[in-house]
Structure formats: structure tokens, C-alpha cells
């Protein structure tokens, strides 16, 4: 995904996991360690803001009824559609994902040149991508870390955070590979089932190991 002809100067780590596993929490922990984090969900959100080409393509593909009166995407309606239809979900991914990948590529290059927000080259870049493995985006990365969580704990956390029904949670989980499959492909597995301090210790140990390389 992010390979360059020139040698990569700092490690690029792919971070992923299933819906509700706590990827964003783990990403913030890496950030506190000193890593620069590029978040695919944030970039996907920005890619479909009013005036962006992706939003125009969505209106063409899905219909104008998915655009609200203020010109923004009706995210609730879109979620209901794509999580109940694999075909519609793939159509949306084909519109949004190439733009997100291109932006991740650009931001990573900037960070390697010391042109990020801090103005310095970070010791590590973490790419937080929900569908990293499903889309084959791990190619060109140095390591992949998968966040896992106990199933009952995941459902409880998602219910508290997003106020989704059990059916809606099941639809989102089904849209991704099982966490066992992802974990089998990982260079490291971060178990986020327990207290945050336990997760943080795992992150800090990985960061120290991978930065020293």
C-alpha cells in the first residue's frame, strides 16, 4: 500500500482489528508513546464531506436521497444500506477507499520528511485501518498489529459507545473477517479484553521493540 522506491526511513505499522475491539484506543496509546498515527476512518469521513469528488460519486451511484438538505452525506441511511448489502458496501468501498489510500500515502511521505504537524520525523508511523487485511493493504508495511477482545466484552462496549442494536452490531461484525483470522496474520496481537493498563503495557512493549527494530 505504502511502499516507496526509496528506502523507508522509519517503521510503518499497520494497526487493525474487528469492529469494537478498541483500535482507536490502542492507536492513541501508540501516539502517546511517540508514534505518528494516520487514521483511515477519519480520512474516510473527510473524503465524503460536501464538495468532495467522492460525495458526488456517491450521489451518482446511490441516488440523491443519500444527500441531506445541507449537502452532507446521510450517514445513518448509508450505514443501514451498506451493512445490510455486501454489494452496496463494496460499491461504497470502491468509491472511498482509493481516495483514503492515496491520502494515507501522501501523509506518510510528509511524516517521513518531517513535514507533519510536529515538524519532526517520528520514530514510527501507525496506520489505523479497519479493513487493512481484508483489502490486502498490509503489503509494504513493516509490521501488523491486530487488536483482539473478548466477544462479550466487545458487545458490551459497542452497546455503550454507539447505542446500536444487537442486529446492527452483528451486521458490522459480519462485514469484517473474524478476529481469529486477523490474529493469525499478525506480527503481534494486542489483547484489549482487560484493564486499559494491561493494554497499555502491551503497546509500550511493542513500541519499544519495533522502534529499536
N, C-alpha and C. Protein backbone atom coordinates (compact mmCIF):
# COMPACT_ATOMS: atom_id res chain seq x y z
N UNK A 1 0.82 -1.21 0.00
CA UNK A 1 0.00 0.00 0.00
C UNK A 1 0.85 1.26 0.00
N UNK A 2 1.88 1.27 0.88
CA UNK A 2 2.63 2.49 1.06
C UNK A 2 4.11 2.32 0.73
N UNK A 3 4.44 1.31 -0.08
CA UNK A 3 5.84 1.10 -0.40
C UNK A 3 6.32 2.22 -1.31
N UNK A 4 7.57 2.57 -1.18
CA UNK A 4 8.20 3.62 -1.97
C UNK A 4 9.44 3.06 -2.65
N UNK A 5 9.86 3.70 -3.71
CA UNK A 5 11.08 3.26 -4.37
C UNK A 5 12.28 3.51 -3.44
N UNK A 6 12.24 4.63 -2.72
CA UNK A 6 13.32 4.90 -1.79
C UNK A 6 13.13 4.08 -0.52
N UNK A 7 14.20 3.89 0.22
CA UNK A 7 14.15 3.11 1.44
C UNK A 7 13.31 3.84 2.50
N UNK A 8 12.43 3.12 3.16
CA UNK A 8 11.65 3.71 4.24
C UNK A 8 12.56 4.02 5.41
N UNK A 9 12.47 5.23 5.92
CA UNK A 9 13.38 5.66 6.97
C UNK A 9 12.90 5.27 8.36
N UNK A 10 11.60 5.13 8.52
CA UNK A 10 11.05 4.78 9.83
C UNK A 10 10.02 3.67 9.65
N UNK A 11 9.82 2.85 10.69
CA UNK A 11 8.89 1.72 10.53
C UNK A 11 7.44 2.20 10.36
N UNK A 12 6.73 1.53 9.47
CA UNK A 12 5.31 1.76 9.25
C UNK A 12 4.55 0.54 9.75
N UNK A 13 3.68 0.76 10.70
CA UNK A 13 2.97 -0.31 11.37
C UNK A 13 1.49 -0.26 11.01
N UNK A 14 0.95 -1.36 10.54
CA UNK A 14 -0.48 -1.45 10.31
C UNK A 14 -1.19 -1.89 11.57
N UNK A 15 -2.21 -1.16 11.96
CA UNK A 15 -2.99 -1.49 13.16
C UNK A 15 -4.43 -1.78 12.73
N UNK A 16 -4.94 -2.93 13.13
CA UNK A 16 -6.30 -3.29 12.73
C UNK A 16 -6.93 -4.18 13.79
N UNK A 17 -8.16 -4.57 13.54
CA UNK A 17 -8.92 -5.39 14.47
C UNK A 17 -10.37 -5.37 14.05
N UNK A 18 -11.20 -6.11 14.72
CA UNK A 18 -12.61 -6.14 14.36
C UNK A 18 -13.36 -4.96 14.97
N UNK A 19 -14.58 -4.77 14.51
CA UNK A 19 -15.43 -3.69 14.99
C UNK A 19 -15.61 -3.81 16.51
N UNK A 20 -15.31 -2.72 17.22
CA UNK A 20 -15.47 -2.71 18.66
C UNK A 20 -14.31 -3.28 19.45
N UNK A 21 -13.20 -3.59 18.79
CA UNK A 21 -12.06 -4.18 19.51
C UNK A 21 -11.26 -3.15 20.28
N UNK A 22 -11.39 -1.87 19.93
CA UNK A 22 -10.63 -0.83 20.62
C UNK A 22 -9.42 -0.34 19.87
N UNK A 23 -9.48 -0.39 18.54
CA UNK A 23 -8.34 0.04 17.72
C UNK A 23 -7.97 1.50 17.99
N UNK A 24 -8.97 2.35 18.08
CA UNK A 24 -8.68 3.77 18.29
C UNK A 24 -8.02 4.02 19.64
N UNK A 25 -8.46 3.28 20.65
CA UNK A 25 -7.83 3.40 21.97
C UNK A 25 -6.37 2.99 21.89
N UNK A 26 -6.10 1.89 21.22
CA UNK A 26 -4.73 1.41 21.08
C UNK A 26 -3.90 2.40 20.25
N UNK A 27 -4.50 2.96 19.21
CA UNK A 27 -3.79 3.95 18.39
C UNK A 27 -3.37 5.15 19.22
N UNK A 28 -4.25 5.61 20.11
CA UNK A 28 -3.89 6.74 20.98
C UNK A 28 -2.75 6.36 21.92
N UNK A 29 -2.72 5.11 22.34
CA UNK A 29 -1.62 4.66 23.20
C UNK A 29 -0.30 4.70 22.44
N UNK A 30 -0.30 4.26 21.19
CA UNK A 30 0.90 4.34 20.36
C UNK A 30 1.32 5.80 20.19
N UNK A 31 0.33 6.67 20.02
CA UNK A 31 0.61 8.09 19.84
C UNK A 31 1.28 8.67 21.08
N UNK A 32 0.79 8.28 22.26
CA UNK A 32 1.40 8.77 23.49
C UNK A 32 2.83 8.26 23.66
N UNK A 33 3.11 7.10 23.05
CA UNK A 33 4.49 6.59 23.10
C UNK A 33 5.42 7.42 22.22
N UNK A 34 4.86 8.12 21.23
CA UNK A 34 5.68 8.93 20.33
C UNK A 34 5.44 8.67 18.86
N UNK A 35 4.59 7.69 18.53
CA UNK A 35 4.30 7.38 17.13
C UNK A 35 3.38 8.44 16.52
N UNK A 36 3.48 8.59 15.21
CA UNK A 36 2.51 9.39 14.46
C UNK A 36 1.43 8.44 13.95
N UNK A 37 0.17 8.81 14.13
CA UNK A 37 -0.94 7.94 13.75
C UNK A 37 -1.69 8.54 12.57
N UNK A 38 -1.94 7.72 11.57
CA UNK A 38 -2.80 8.10 10.44
C UNK A 38 -4.04 7.23 10.54
N UNK A 39 -5.19 7.87 10.67
CA UNK A 39 -6.43 7.15 10.93
C UNK A 39 -7.29 7.08 9.67
N UNK A 40 -7.51 5.86 9.18
CA UNK A 40 -8.26 5.68 7.94
C UNK A 40 -9.72 6.10 8.09
N UNK A 41 -10.31 5.85 9.25
CA UNK A 41 -11.71 6.24 9.46
C UNK A 41 -11.88 7.75 9.35
N UNK A 42 -10.95 8.49 9.92
CA UNK A 42 -11.03 9.96 9.85
C UNK A 42 -10.89 10.42 8.40
N UNK A 43 -9.95 9.81 7.68
CA UNK A 43 -9.76 10.19 6.28
C UNK A 43 -10.98 9.84 5.44
N UNK A 44 -11.61 8.69 5.73
CA UNK A 44 -12.82 8.31 5.01
C UNK A 44 -13.95 9.29 5.28
N UNK A 45 -14.04 9.75 6.52
CA UNK A 45 -15.05 10.75 6.89
C UNK A 45 -14.82 12.04 6.11
N UNK A 46 -13.57 12.46 6.03
CA UNK A 46 -13.23 13.70 5.32
C UNK A 46 -13.45 13.55 3.82
N UNK A 47 -13.25 12.34 3.29
CA UNK A 47 -13.35 12.13 1.85
C UNK A 47 -14.75 12.34 1.32
N UNK A 48 -15.77 12.23 2.19
CA UNK A 48 -17.15 12.36 1.73
C UNK A 48 -17.80 13.63 2.27
N UNK A 49 -16.99 14.60 2.64
CA UNK A 49 -17.54 15.88 3.06
C UNK A 49 -18.10 16.64 1.85
N UNK A 50 -19.02 17.58 2.09
CA UNK A 50 -19.60 18.35 0.97
C UNK A 50 -18.52 19.00 0.11
N UNK A 51 -18.72 18.91 -1.20
CA UNK A 51 -17.77 19.48 -2.14
C UNK A 51 -16.68 18.53 -2.58
N UNK A 52 -16.55 17.38 -1.92
CA UNK A 52 -15.52 16.43 -2.30
C UNK A 52 -16.01 15.56 -3.47
N UNK A 53 -15.09 15.17 -4.37
CA UNK A 53 -15.49 14.33 -5.51
C UNK A 53 -16.17 13.03 -5.10
N UNK A 54 -15.73 12.43 -3.99
CA UNK A 54 -16.31 11.16 -3.57
C UNK A 54 -17.80 11.30 -3.27
N UNK A 55 -18.20 12.43 -2.70
CA UNK A 55 -19.62 12.61 -2.38
C UNK A 55 -20.46 12.71 -3.65
N UNK A 56 -19.93 13.37 -4.66
CA UNK A 56 -20.63 13.44 -5.94
C UNK A 56 -20.79 12.05 -6.55
N UNK A 57 -19.75 11.23 -6.44
CA UNK A 57 -19.82 9.87 -6.98
C UNK A 57 -20.84 9.04 -6.20
N UNK A 58 -20.91 9.25 -4.90
CA UNK A 58 -21.89 8.52 -4.09
C UNK A 58 -23.30 8.88 -4.52
N UNK A 59 -23.54 10.16 -4.77
CA UNK A 59 -24.87 10.60 -5.22
C UNK A 59 -25.23 9.95 -6.55
N UNK A 60 -24.23 9.81 -7.44
CA UNK A 60 -24.48 9.16 -8.73
C UNK A 60 -24.78 7.67 -8.56
N UNK A 61 -24.01 7.02 -7.68
CA UNK A 61 -24.11 5.58 -7.52
C UNK A 61 -25.33 5.17 -6.70
N UNK A 62 -25.60 5.91 -5.63
CA UNK A 62 -26.65 5.50 -4.68
C UNK A 62 -27.94 6.30 -4.83
N UNK A 63 -27.84 7.51 -5.35
CA UNK A 63 -29.03 8.35 -5.50
C UNK A 63 -28.97 9.59 -4.62
N UNK A 64 -29.65 10.63 -5.04
CA UNK A 64 -29.63 11.91 -4.33
C UNK A 64 -30.29 11.82 -2.96
N UNK A 65 -31.10 10.77 -2.72
CA UNK A 65 -31.76 10.64 -1.42
C UNK A 65 -30.76 10.36 -0.29
N UNK A 66 -29.50 10.05 -0.65
CA UNK A 66 -28.48 9.83 0.37
C UNK A 66 -27.76 11.12 0.75
N UNK A 67 -28.17 12.23 0.13
CA UNK A 67 -27.58 13.53 0.44
C UNK A 67 -28.61 14.36 1.19
N UNK A 68 -28.22 14.88 2.35
CA UNK A 68 -29.12 15.67 3.18
C UNK A 68 -29.30 17.08 2.60
N UNK A 69 -30.23 17.80 3.16
CA UNK A 69 -30.54 19.13 2.67
C UNK A 69 -29.39 20.10 2.73
N UNK A 70 -28.46 19.91 3.68
CA UNK A 70 -27.30 20.80 3.80
C UNK A 70 -26.15 20.37 2.91
N UNK A 71 -26.39 19.35 2.07
CA UNK A 71 -25.36 18.89 1.15
C UNK A 71 -24.43 17.84 1.70
N UNK A 72 -24.65 17.40 2.93
CA UNK A 72 -23.79 16.38 3.53
C UNK A 72 -24.37 14.99 3.32
N UNK A 73 -23.55 13.99 3.55
CA UNK A 73 -23.96 12.61 3.40
C UNK A 73 -24.89 12.21 4.53
N UNK A 74 -25.96 11.51 4.20
CA UNK A 74 -26.85 10.94 5.21
C UNK A 74 -26.18 9.65 5.70
N UNK A 75 -25.35 9.77 6.71
CA UNK A 75 -24.51 8.67 7.17
C UNK A 75 -25.35 7.54 7.77
N UNK A 76 -26.42 7.89 8.46
CA UNK A 76 -27.27 6.87 9.06
C UNK A 76 -27.92 6.02 7.97
N UNK A 77 -28.46 6.67 6.96
CA UNK A 77 -29.10 5.93 5.87
C UNK A 77 -28.08 5.09 5.11
N UNK A 78 -26.90 5.67 4.89
CA UNK A 78 -25.87 4.92 4.18
C UNK A 78 -25.44 3.70 4.98
N UNK A 79 -25.27 3.85 6.29
CA UNK A 79 -24.88 2.71 7.12
C UNK A 79 -25.92 1.61 7.07
N UNK A 80 -27.18 1.98 7.14
CA UNK A 80 -28.25 0.98 7.07
C UNK A 80 -28.20 0.21 5.76
N UNK A 81 -27.86 0.91 4.68
CA UNK A 81 -27.81 0.28 3.36
C UNK A 81 -26.60 -0.65 3.21
N UNK A 82 -25.41 -0.13 3.52
CA UNK A 82 -24.20 -0.90 3.22
C UNK A 82 -23.98 -2.06 4.18
N UNK A 83 -24.48 -1.95 5.41
CA UNK A 83 -24.28 -3.06 6.33
C UNK A 83 -25.34 -4.14 6.20
N UNK A 84 -26.31 -3.89 5.33
CA UNK A 84 -27.30 -4.94 5.04
C UNK A 84 -27.12 -5.51 3.64
N UNK A 85 -26.16 -4.98 2.87
CA UNK A 85 -25.94 -5.46 1.50
C UNK A 85 -24.45 -5.46 1.18
N UNK A 86 -23.81 -6.63 1.08
CA UNK A 86 -22.39 -6.68 0.71
C UNK A 86 -22.10 -6.01 -0.63
N UNK A 87 -23.02 -6.10 -1.57
CA UNK A 87 -22.82 -5.49 -2.88
C UNK A 87 -22.78 -3.96 -2.77
N UNK A 88 -23.70 -3.40 -2.01
CA UNK A 88 -23.72 -1.95 -1.83
C UNK A 88 -22.50 -1.49 -1.02
N UNK A 89 -22.10 -2.30 -0.05
CA UNK A 89 -20.92 -1.96 0.75
C UNK A 89 -19.67 -1.92 -0.12
N UNK A 90 -19.55 -2.89 -1.01
CA UNK A 90 -18.39 -2.90 -1.90
C UNK A 90 -18.42 -1.72 -2.85
N UNK A 91 -19.61 -1.34 -3.32
CA UNK A 91 -19.72 -0.18 -4.20
C UNK A 91 -19.23 1.09 -3.49
N UNK A 92 -19.60 1.23 -2.23
CA UNK A 92 -19.13 2.39 -1.46
C UNK A 92 -17.62 2.33 -1.26
N UNK A 93 -17.11 1.14 -0.93
CA UNK A 93 -15.68 0.99 -0.73
C UNK A 93 -14.89 1.35 -1.98
N UNK A 94 -15.41 0.99 -3.13
CA UNK A 94 -14.71 1.28 -4.38
C UNK A 94 -14.62 2.77 -4.64
N UNK A 95 -15.56 3.52 -4.11
CA UNK A 95 -15.53 4.97 -4.26
C UNK A 95 -14.58 5.61 -3.26
N UNK A 96 -14.67 5.18 -2.01
CA UNK A 96 -13.97 5.88 -0.93
C UNK A 96 -12.54 5.38 -0.72
N UNK A 97 -12.34 4.06 -0.75
CA UNK A 97 -11.04 3.51 -0.36
C UNK A 97 -9.86 4.00 -1.19
N UNK A 98 -9.95 4.08 -2.52
CA UNK A 98 -8.79 4.58 -3.26
C UNK A 98 -8.36 5.98 -2.83
N UNK A 99 -9.33 6.81 -2.52
CA UNK A 99 -9.01 8.17 -2.08
C UNK A 99 -8.35 8.16 -0.70
N UNK A 100 -8.83 7.28 0.17
CA UNK A 100 -8.25 7.18 1.50
C UNK A 100 -6.82 6.67 1.42
N UNK A 101 -6.59 5.66 0.61
CA UNK A 101 -5.25 5.09 0.47
C UNK A 101 -4.28 6.13 -0.09
N UNK A 102 -4.72 6.89 -1.08
CA UNK A 102 -3.88 7.93 -1.65
C UNK A 102 -3.50 8.97 -0.61
N UNK A 103 -4.46 9.35 0.22
CA UNK A 103 -4.19 10.35 1.25
C UNK A 103 -3.27 9.78 2.33
N UNK A 104 -3.45 8.52 2.71
CA UNK A 104 -2.56 7.90 3.67
C UNK A 104 -1.12 7.88 3.14
N UNK A 105 -0.99 7.56 1.87
CA UNK A 105 0.31 7.52 1.21
C UNK A 105 0.97 8.90 1.28
N UNK A 106 0.21 9.94 0.98
CA UNK A 106 0.73 11.31 0.99
C UNK A 106 1.15 11.74 2.39
N UNK A 107 0.30 11.46 3.38
CA UNK A 107 0.60 11.85 4.75
C UNK A 107 1.84 11.12 5.29
N UNK A 108 1.97 9.84 4.94
CA UNK A 108 3.14 9.08 5.40
C UNK A 108 4.42 9.66 4.82
N UNK A 109 4.40 10.05 3.56
CA UNK A 109 5.58 10.68 2.96
C UNK A 109 5.91 11.99 3.66
N UNK A 110 4.89 12.76 3.96
CA UNK A 110 5.13 14.03 4.67
C UNK A 110 5.79 13.78 6.02
N UNK A 111 5.27 12.80 6.74
CA UNK A 111 5.83 12.49 8.06
C UNK A 111 7.28 12.06 7.95
N UNK A 112 7.61 11.28 6.95
CA UNK A 112 8.99 10.82 6.77
C UNK A 112 9.93 11.97 6.43
N UNK A 113 9.39 13.03 5.86
CA UNK A 113 10.21 14.20 5.54
C UNK A 113 10.21 15.22 6.69
N UNK A 114 9.54 14.89 7.77
CA UNK A 114 9.46 15.83 8.88
C UNK A 114 8.52 16.98 8.63
N UNK A 115 7.53 16.77 7.76
CA UNK A 115 6.59 17.83 7.40
C UNK A 115 5.23 17.64 8.04
N UNK A 116 5.16 16.79 9.07
CA UNK A 116 3.91 16.60 9.78
C UNK A 116 3.65 17.74 10.75
N UNK A 117 2.59 17.62 11.54
CA UNK A 117 2.21 18.69 12.49
C UNK A 117 3.32 19.06 13.47
N UNK A 118 4.12 18.07 13.89
CA UNK A 118 5.16 18.36 14.89
C UNK A 118 6.41 18.97 14.26
N UNK A 119 6.57 18.80 12.95
CA UNK A 119 7.75 19.33 12.28
C UNK A 119 8.98 18.47 12.43
N UNK A 120 8.84 17.31 13.06
CA UNK A 120 9.99 16.41 13.22
C UNK A 120 9.60 15.03 12.68
N UNK A 121 10.60 14.24 12.36
CA UNK A 121 10.35 12.88 11.88
C UNK A 121 10.02 11.99 13.07
N UNK A 122 8.86 11.36 13.09
CA UNK A 122 8.51 10.50 14.24
C UNK A 122 9.28 9.19 14.17
N UNK A 123 9.43 8.50 15.29
CA UNK A 123 10.14 7.22 15.29
C UNK A 123 9.34 6.08 14.69
N UNK A 124 8.02 6.27 14.53
CA UNK A 124 7.15 5.23 13.99
C UNK A 124 5.89 5.87 13.42
N UNK A 125 5.37 5.27 12.33
CA UNK A 125 4.08 5.66 11.78
C UNK A 125 3.13 4.49 11.98
N UNK A 126 1.99 4.76 12.59
CA UNK A 126 0.96 3.74 12.78
C UNK A 126 -0.22 4.08 11.89
N UNK A 127 -0.61 3.14 11.06
CA UNK A 127 -1.74 3.30 10.16
C UNK A 127 -2.91 2.50 10.71
N UNK A 128 -3.90 3.19 11.24
CA UNK A 128 -5.05 2.57 11.86
C UNK A 128 -6.12 2.35 10.79
N UNK A 129 -6.24 1.09 10.32
CA UNK A 129 -7.09 0.78 9.17
C UNK A 129 -7.99 -0.41 9.49
N UNK A 130 -9.30 -0.21 9.62
CA UNK A 130 -10.19 -1.33 9.96
C UNK A 130 -10.11 -2.50 8.99
N UNK A 131 -10.06 -2.23 7.69
CA UNK A 131 -10.07 -3.30 6.68
C UNK A 131 -8.68 -3.53 6.09
N UNK A 132 -7.67 -3.34 6.90
CA UNK A 132 -6.29 -3.47 6.43
C UNK A 132 -6.05 -4.81 5.74
N UNK A 133 -6.42 -5.90 6.40
CA UNK A 133 -6.13 -7.24 5.89
C UNK A 133 -7.15 -7.66 4.84
N UNK A 134 -8.41 -7.29 5.05
CA UNK A 134 -9.44 -7.66 4.07
C UNK A 134 -9.14 -7.08 2.70
N UNK A 135 -8.56 -5.90 2.65
CA UNK A 135 -8.25 -5.22 1.38
C UNK A 135 -6.83 -5.46 0.91
N UNK A 136 -6.07 -6.27 1.64
CA UNK A 136 -4.69 -6.56 1.24
C UNK A 136 -3.76 -5.38 1.35
N UNK A 137 -4.05 -4.47 2.29
CA UNK A 137 -3.27 -3.24 2.39
C UNK A 137 -2.04 -3.37 3.28
N UNK A 138 -1.80 -4.57 3.79
CA UNK A 138 -0.63 -4.76 4.65
C UNK A 138 0.67 -4.83 3.85
N UNK A 139 0.57 -4.99 2.54
CA UNK A 139 1.77 -5.09 1.70
C UNK A 139 2.55 -3.78 1.75
N UNK A 140 3.85 -3.88 1.97
CA UNK A 140 4.69 -2.70 2.05
C UNK A 140 4.85 -2.16 3.45
N UNK A 141 4.10 -2.71 4.41
CA UNK A 141 4.26 -2.28 5.80
C UNK A 141 5.32 -3.13 6.49
N UNK A 142 5.88 -2.62 7.55
CA UNK A 142 6.92 -3.34 8.26
C UNK A 142 6.35 -4.38 9.22
N UNK A 143 5.28 -4.04 9.92
CA UNK A 143 4.65 -4.94 10.87
C UNK A 143 3.14 -4.71 10.85
N UNK A 144 2.41 -5.70 11.33
CA UNK A 144 0.96 -5.58 11.50
C UNK A 144 0.61 -6.01 12.92
N UNK A 145 -0.13 -5.15 13.61
CA UNK A 145 -0.63 -5.46 14.94
C UNK A 145 -2.15 -5.57 14.89
N UNK A 146 -2.69 -6.62 15.46
CA UNK A 146 -4.14 -6.83 15.49
C UNK A 146 -4.63 -6.72 16.93
N UNK A 147 -5.65 -5.90 17.12
CA UNK A 147 -6.28 -5.75 18.44
C UNK A 147 -7.42 -6.75 18.57
N UNK A 148 -7.40 -7.54 19.62
CA UNK A 148 -8.47 -8.51 19.87
C UNK A 148 -9.16 -8.19 21.18
N UNK A 149 -10.34 -8.76 21.35
CA UNK A 149 -11.13 -8.51 22.56
C UNK A 149 -12.08 -9.67 22.78
N UNK A 150 -12.37 -9.96 24.02
CA UNK A 150 -13.37 -10.97 24.34
C UNK A 150 -14.71 -10.59 23.73
N UNK A 151 -15.39 -11.57 23.15
CA UNK A 151 -16.61 -11.30 22.40
C UNK A 151 -17.68 -10.62 23.24
N UNK A 152 -17.93 -11.10 24.43
CA UNK A 152 -18.96 -10.50 25.27
C UNK A 152 -18.59 -9.08 25.67
N UNK A 153 -17.30 -8.85 25.90
CA UNK A 153 -16.85 -7.51 26.26
C UNK A 153 -16.99 -6.56 25.07
N UNK A 154 -16.74 -7.05 23.88
CA UNK A 154 -16.89 -6.22 22.68
C UNK A 154 -18.34 -5.76 22.53
N UNK A 155 -19.27 -6.68 22.66
CA UNK A 155 -20.69 -6.33 22.50
C UNK A 155 -21.11 -5.32 23.56
N UNK A 156 -20.63 -5.50 24.78
CA UNK A 156 -20.98 -4.58 25.85
C UNK A 156 -20.41 -3.19 25.58
N UNK A 157 -19.16 -3.12 25.14
CA UNK A 157 -18.53 -1.82 24.89
C UNK A 157 -19.19 -1.10 23.73
N UNK A 158 -19.46 -1.82 22.65
CA UNK A 158 -20.10 -1.20 21.50
C UNK A 158 -21.49 -0.71 21.85
N UNK A 159 -22.22 -1.51 22.63
CA UNK A 159 -23.56 -1.09 23.03
C UNK A 159 -23.54 0.20 23.82
N UNK A 160 -22.55 0.34 24.70
CA UNK A 160 -22.43 1.56 25.50
C UNK A 160 -21.99 2.73 24.64
N UNK A 161 -21.08 2.48 23.71
CA UNK A 161 -20.48 3.57 22.94
C UNK A 161 -21.38 4.08 21.83
N UNK A 162 -21.98 3.16 21.07
CA UNK A 162 -22.69 3.54 19.85
C UNK A 162 -24.20 3.41 19.93
N UNK A 163 -24.71 2.85 21.00
CA UNK A 163 -26.15 2.66 21.16
C UNK A 163 -26.76 1.93 19.96
N UNK A 164 -26.06 0.88 19.53
CA UNK A 164 -26.54 0.08 18.42
C UNK A 164 -27.31 -1.13 18.94
N UNK A 165 -28.25 -1.60 18.12
CA UNK A 165 -28.96 -2.82 18.47
C UNK A 165 -28.06 -4.03 18.26
N UNK A 166 -28.45 -5.17 18.80
CA UNK A 166 -27.66 -6.39 18.59
C UNK A 166 -27.58 -6.74 17.11
N UNK A 167 -28.66 -6.51 16.38
CA UNK A 167 -28.66 -6.79 14.94
C UNK A 167 -27.68 -5.89 14.22
N UNK A 168 -27.65 -4.61 14.58
CA UNK A 168 -26.72 -3.67 13.93
C UNK A 168 -25.27 -4.03 14.26
N UNK A 169 -25.02 -4.43 15.49
CA UNK A 169 -23.67 -4.85 15.85
C UNK A 169 -23.26 -6.08 15.05
N UNK A 170 -24.18 -7.05 14.93
CA UNK A 170 -23.89 -8.27 14.18
C UNK A 170 -23.60 -7.97 12.72
N UNK A 171 -24.32 -7.03 12.13
CA UNK A 171 -24.08 -6.66 10.73
C UNK A 171 -22.69 -6.07 10.54
N UNK A 172 -22.27 -5.23 11.46
CA UNK A 172 -20.95 -4.62 11.34
C UNK A 172 -19.84 -5.62 11.57
N UNK A 173 -20.05 -6.53 12.50
CA UNK A 173 -19.06 -7.58 12.73
C UNK A 173 -18.94 -8.48 11.51
N UNK A 174 -20.08 -8.81 10.90
CA UNK A 174 -20.08 -9.71 9.74
C UNK A 174 -19.41 -9.08 8.52
N UNK A 175 -19.29 -7.76 8.50
CA UNK A 175 -18.67 -7.08 7.36
C UNK A 175 -17.15 -7.21 7.38
N UNK A 176 -16.59 -7.74 8.46
CA UNK A 176 -15.14 -7.90 8.59
C UNK A 176 -14.79 -9.36 8.84
N UNK A 177 -13.52 -9.68 8.64
CA UNK A 177 -13.06 -11.03 8.94
C UNK A 177 -13.15 -11.28 10.44
N UNK A 178 -13.32 -12.54 10.85
CA UNK A 178 -13.27 -12.87 12.28
C UNK A 178 -11.90 -12.50 12.86
N UNK A 179 -11.88 -12.12 14.12
CA UNK A 179 -10.62 -11.66 14.69
C UNK A 179 -9.58 -12.78 14.76
N UNK A 180 -10.04 -14.04 14.81
CA UNK A 180 -9.08 -15.14 14.82
C UNK A 180 -8.29 -15.19 13.51
N UNK A 181 -8.99 -14.90 12.41
CA UNK A 181 -8.31 -14.91 11.11
C UNK A 181 -7.31 -13.76 11.02
N UNK A 182 -7.70 -12.61 11.52
CA UNK A 182 -6.79 -11.48 11.50
C UNK A 182 -5.59 -11.73 12.40
N UNK A 183 -5.85 -12.28 13.58
CA UNK A 183 -4.77 -12.53 14.53
C UNK A 183 -3.73 -13.49 13.96
N UNK A 184 -4.20 -14.46 13.17
CA UNK A 184 -3.29 -15.44 12.58
C UNK A 184 -2.34 -14.80 11.57
N UNK A 185 -2.70 -13.63 11.04
CA UNK A 185 -1.87 -12.95 10.04
C UNK A 185 -1.01 -11.86 10.65
N UNK A 186 -1.10 -11.66 11.95
CA UNK A 186 -0.45 -10.53 12.60
C UNK A 186 0.98 -10.84 13.02
N UNK A 187 1.79 -9.81 13.09
CA UNK A 187 3.12 -9.91 13.70
C UNK A 187 3.00 -9.82 15.21
N UNK A 188 1.93 -9.18 15.68
CA UNK A 188 1.68 -9.08 17.12
C UNK A 188 0.19 -8.96 17.35
N UNK A 189 -0.28 -9.53 18.44
CA UNK A 189 -1.68 -9.44 18.84
C UNK A 189 -1.74 -8.68 20.16
N UNK A 190 -2.58 -7.67 20.21
CA UNK A 190 -2.79 -6.86 21.41
C UNK A 190 -4.14 -7.22 22.00
N UNK A 191 -4.14 -7.85 23.16
CA UNK A 191 -5.39 -8.27 23.80
C UNK A 191 -5.95 -7.10 24.61
N UNK A 192 -7.09 -6.60 24.17
CA UNK A 192 -7.71 -5.44 24.80
C UNK A 192 -8.91 -5.83 25.65
N UNK A 193 -8.95 -7.07 26.12
CA UNK A 193 -10.10 -7.55 26.89
C UNK A 193 -10.11 -7.08 28.32
N UNK A 194 -8.93 -6.79 28.85
CA UNK A 194 -8.83 -6.47 30.27
C UNK A 194 -8.72 -4.99 30.55
N UNK A 195 -8.13 -4.64 31.68
CA UNK A 195 -7.96 -3.23 32.06
C UNK A 195 -7.07 -2.49 31.05
N UNK A 196 -7.30 -1.18 30.94
CA UNK A 196 -6.52 -0.38 29.99
C UNK A 196 -5.04 -0.41 30.31
N UNK A 197 -4.68 -0.51 31.57
CA UNK A 197 -3.27 -0.56 31.93
C UNK A 197 -2.59 -1.79 31.33
N UNK A 198 -3.32 -2.90 31.27
CA UNK A 198 -2.76 -4.11 30.68
C UNK A 198 -2.55 -3.93 29.18
N UNK A 199 -3.51 -3.28 28.53
CA UNK A 199 -3.36 -2.99 27.10
C UNK A 199 -2.18 -2.06 26.87
N UNK A 200 -2.08 -1.05 27.71
CA UNK A 200 -1.01 -0.04 27.55
C UNK A 200 0.36 -0.69 27.68
N UNK A 201 0.51 -1.61 28.58
CA UNK A 201 1.82 -2.28 28.74
C UNK A 201 2.18 -3.06 27.48
N UNK A 202 1.21 -3.69 26.86
CA UNK A 202 1.47 -4.42 25.62
C UNK A 202 1.91 -3.46 24.51
N UNK A 203 1.22 -2.32 24.41
CA UNK A 203 1.54 -1.32 23.39
C UNK A 203 2.95 -0.77 23.61
N UNK A 204 3.26 -0.42 24.83
CA UNK A 204 4.57 0.15 25.13
C UNK A 204 5.70 -0.83 24.83
N UNK A 205 5.46 -2.10 25.11
CA UNK A 205 6.47 -3.12 24.82
C UNK A 205 6.68 -3.27 23.32
N UNK A 206 5.59 -3.28 22.56
CA UNK A 206 5.71 -3.38 21.10
C UNK A 206 6.41 -2.15 20.53
N UNK A 207 6.02 -1.00 21.00
CA UNK A 207 6.63 0.24 20.50
C UNK A 207 8.14 0.22 20.72
N UNK A 208 8.54 -0.13 21.91
CA UNK A 208 9.97 -0.16 22.23
C UNK A 208 10.70 -1.15 21.34
N UNK A 209 10.11 -2.32 21.14
CA UNK A 209 10.75 -3.35 20.34
C UNK A 209 10.85 -2.96 18.88
N UNK A 210 9.76 -2.43 18.33
CA UNK A 210 9.72 -2.14 16.90
C UNK A 210 10.47 -0.86 16.54
N UNK A 211 10.52 0.10 17.43
CA UNK A 211 11.31 1.30 17.13
C UNK A 211 12.79 0.97 17.12
N UNK A 212 13.19 0.11 18.05
CA UNK A 212 14.62 -0.28 18.07
C UNK A 212 14.94 -1.21 16.93
N UNK A 213 13.89 -1.89 16.42
CA UNK A 213 13.97 -2.66 15.20
C UNK A 213 14.89 -3.81 15.17
